[in-house]
C-alpha atoms as a PDB file:
ATOM      1  CA  MET A   1     -21.417 -23.971 -21.136  1.00  0.00           C
ATOM      2  CA  PHE A   2     -19.786 -24.457 -17.815  1.00  0.00           C
ATOM      3  CA  GLY A   3     -17.832 -27.528 -18.989  1.00  0.00           C
ATOM      4  CA  LEU A   4     -20.752 -29.819 -18.339  1.00  0.00           C
ATOM      5  CA  GLY A   5     -21.627 -32.693 -20.565  1.00  0.00           C
ATOM      6  CA  VAL A   6     -24.811 -34.285 -21.157  1.00  0.00           C
ATOM      7  CA  GLY A   7     -24.194 -36.815 -18.486  1.00  0.00           C
ATOM      8  CA  GLU A   8     -23.503 -34.406 -15.964  1.00  0.00           C
ATOM      9  CA  LEU A   9     -26.494 -32.635 -16.793  1.00  0.00           C
ATOM     10  CA  VAL A  10     -28.821 -35.578 -16.717  1.00  0.00           C
ATOM     11  CA  ILE A  11     -27.493 -36.574 -13.071  1.00  0.00           C
ATOM     12  CA  ILE A  12     -28.269 -32.809 -11.827  1.00  0.00           C
ATOM     13  CA  LEU A  13     -31.481 -33.223 -13.278  1.00  0.00           C
ATOM     14  CA  LEU A  14     -32.270 -36.442 -11.539  1.00  0.00           C
ATOM     15  CA  ILE A  15     -30.960 -35.042  -8.281  1.00  0.00           C
ATOM     16  CA  VAL A  16     -33.211 -32.134  -8.691  1.00  0.00           C
ATOM     17  CA  LEU A  17     -36.052 -34.528  -9.427  1.00  0.00           C
ATOM     18  CA  VAL A  18     -35.528 -36.508  -6.270  1.00  0.00           C
ATOM     19  CA  ILE A  19     -35.191 -33.488  -4.101  1.00  0.00           C
ATOM     20  CA  PHE A  20     -38.407 -31.671  -5.287  1.00  0.00           C
ATOM     21  CA  GLY A  21     -40.430 -34.681  -6.562  1.00  0.00           C
ATOM     22  CA  ALA A  22     -42.239 -34.753  -9.775  1.00  0.00           C
ATOM     23  CA  GLY A  23     -45.372 -32.501  -8.779  1.00  0.00           C
ATOM     24  CA  LYS A  24     -43.399 -29.691  -7.701  1.00  0.00           C
ATOM     25  CA  LEU A  25     -40.914 -29.688 -10.597  1.00  0.00           C
ATOM     26  CA  PRO A  26     -42.708 -27.653 -13.020  1.00  0.00           C
ATOM     27  CA  LYS A  27     -43.421 -24.946 -10.439  1.00  0.00           C
ATOM     28  CA  VAL A  28     -39.772 -24.846  -9.450  1.00  0.00           C
ATOM     29  CA  MET A  29     -38.726 -24.609 -12.925  1.00  0.00           C
ATOM     30  CA  GLY A  30     -41.271 -21.754 -13.691  1.00  0.00           C
ATOM     31  CA  ASP A  31     -40.158 -19.588 -10.721  1.00  0.00           C
ATOM     32  CA  MET A  32     -36.389 -20.200 -11.522  1.00  0.00           C
ATOM     33  CA  GLY A  33     -37.354 -18.952 -15.264  1.00  0.00           C
ATOM     34  CA  ARG A  34     -39.199 -15.910 -14.022  1.00  0.00           C
ATOM     35  CA  GLY A  35     -36.467 -15.184 -11.611  1.00  0.00           C
ATOM     36  CA  VAL A  36     -33.758 -15.225 -14.604  1.00  0.00           C
ATOM     37  CA  LYS A  37     -36.003 -13.149 -16.573  1.00  0.00           C
ATOM     38  CA  SER A  38     -36.306 -10.695 -13.926  1.00  0.00           C
ATOM     39  CA  PHE A  39     -32.689 -10.544 -13.406  1.00  0.00           C
ATOM     40  CA  LYS A  40     -31.956 -10.044 -17.157  1.00  0.00           C
ATOM     41  CA  LYS A  41     -34.637  -7.107 -17.204  1.00  0.00           C
ATOM     42  CA  ALA A  42     -32.948  -5.244 -14.201  1.00  0.00           C
ATOM     43  CA  MET A  43     -29.536  -5.754 -15.912  1.00  0.00           C
ATOM     44  CA  ASP A  44     -30.876  -3.972 -19.068  1.00  0.00           C
ATOM     45  CA  GLU A  45     -32.428  -1.075 -17.278  1.00  0.00           C
ATOM     46  CA  PRO A  46     -30.060   1.947 -16.871  1.00  0.00           C
ATOM     47  CA  ASP A  47     -28.919   2.627 -13.277  1.00  0.00           C
ATOM     48  CA  LEU A  48     -31.108   5.589 -11.882  1.00  0.00           C
ATOM     49  CA  THR A  49     -29.304   5.874  -8.623  1.00  0.00           C
ATOM     50  CA  THR A  50     -26.083   7.043 -10.004  1.00  0.00           C
ATOM     51  CA  PRO A  51     -26.884  10.727 -11.157  1.00  0.00           C
ATOM     52  CA  ALA A  52     -28.502  11.434  -7.852  1.00  0.00           C
ATOM     53  CA  GLU A  53     -25.483  10.352  -5.786  1.00  0.00           C
ATOM     54  CA  ASN A  54     -23.178  12.776  -8.144  1.00  0.00           C
ATOM     55  CA  THR A  55     -25.163  15.889  -7.433  1.00  0.00           C
ATOM     56  CA  THR A  56     -22.633  17.682  -5.252  1.00  0.00           C
ATOM     57  CA  THR A  57     -21.235  20.914  -6.166  1.00  0.00           C
ATOM     58  CA  SER A  58     -17.802  21.175  -6.815  1.00  0.00           C
ATOM     59  CA  ALA A  59     -15.288  24.017  -6.091  1.00  0.00           C
ATOM     60  CA  PRO A  60     -14.616  26.626  -8.666  1.00  0.00           C
ATOM     61  CA  ALA A  61     -11.863  26.020 -11.407  1.00  0.00           C
ATOM     62  CA  ASP A  62      -9.800  28.718 -10.102  1.00  0.00           C
ATOM     63  CA  GLY A  63      -9.397  27.362  -6.723  1.00  0.00           C
ATOM     64  CA  SER A  64     -10.706  30.475  -4.827  1.00  0.00           C
ATOM     65  CA  ALA A  65     -12.784  28.427  -2.548  1.00  0.00           C
ATOM     66  CA  ALA A  66      -9.661  26.430  -1.502  1.00  0.00           C
ATOM     67  CA  GLN A  67      -7.825  29.647  -0.354  1.00  0.00           C
ATOM     68  CA  VAL A  68      -8.469  30.546   3.230  1.00  0.00           C
ATOM     69  CA  ASN A  69      -7.250  33.976   4.572  1.00  0.00           C
ATOM     70  CA  SER A  70      -5.716  33.707   8.028  1.00  0.00           C
ATOM     71  CA  GLU A  71      -7.614  36.709   9.303  1.00  0.00           C
ATOM     72  CA  THR A  72     -10.885  35.585   8.045  1.00  0.00           C
ATOM     73  CA  ALA A  73     -10.447  32.160   9.458  1.00  0.00           C
ATOM     74  CA  LYS A  74      -9.887  33.124  12.972  1.00  0.00           C
ATOM     75  CA  PRO A  75     -12.588  34.683  15.055  1.00  0.00           C
ATOM     76  CA  ASP A  76     -11.985  38.537  16.115  1.00  0.00           C
ATOM     77  CA  ALA A  77      -9.537  38.425  19.059  1.00  0.00           C
ATOM     78  CA  PRO A  78      -8.599  41.533  20.987  1.00  0.00           C
ATOM     79  CA  LYS A  79      -5.613  43.057  19.975  1.00  0.00           C
ATOM     80  CA  ALA A  80      -2.740  43.773  22.329  1.00  0.00           C
ATOM     81  CA  GLY A  81      -1.208  46.827  22.345  1.00  0.00           C
END
């Protein structure tokens, strides 16, 4: 699995047993199992936030929105003359 053999897994389980104690071990393992189950469920669900983020409008294909006329871009200024 992660390159761990049976001996390493036994040592890890003994350390967990010493840290949490025999009384709390079933509760800790149950909570861990529910967390893994919830994580897997969340990974299988489609991401609903992606389409909402991509609702911006784009420029027309002909590029007319990108063209700016210099007369319309500047405010009306008095003409000298």
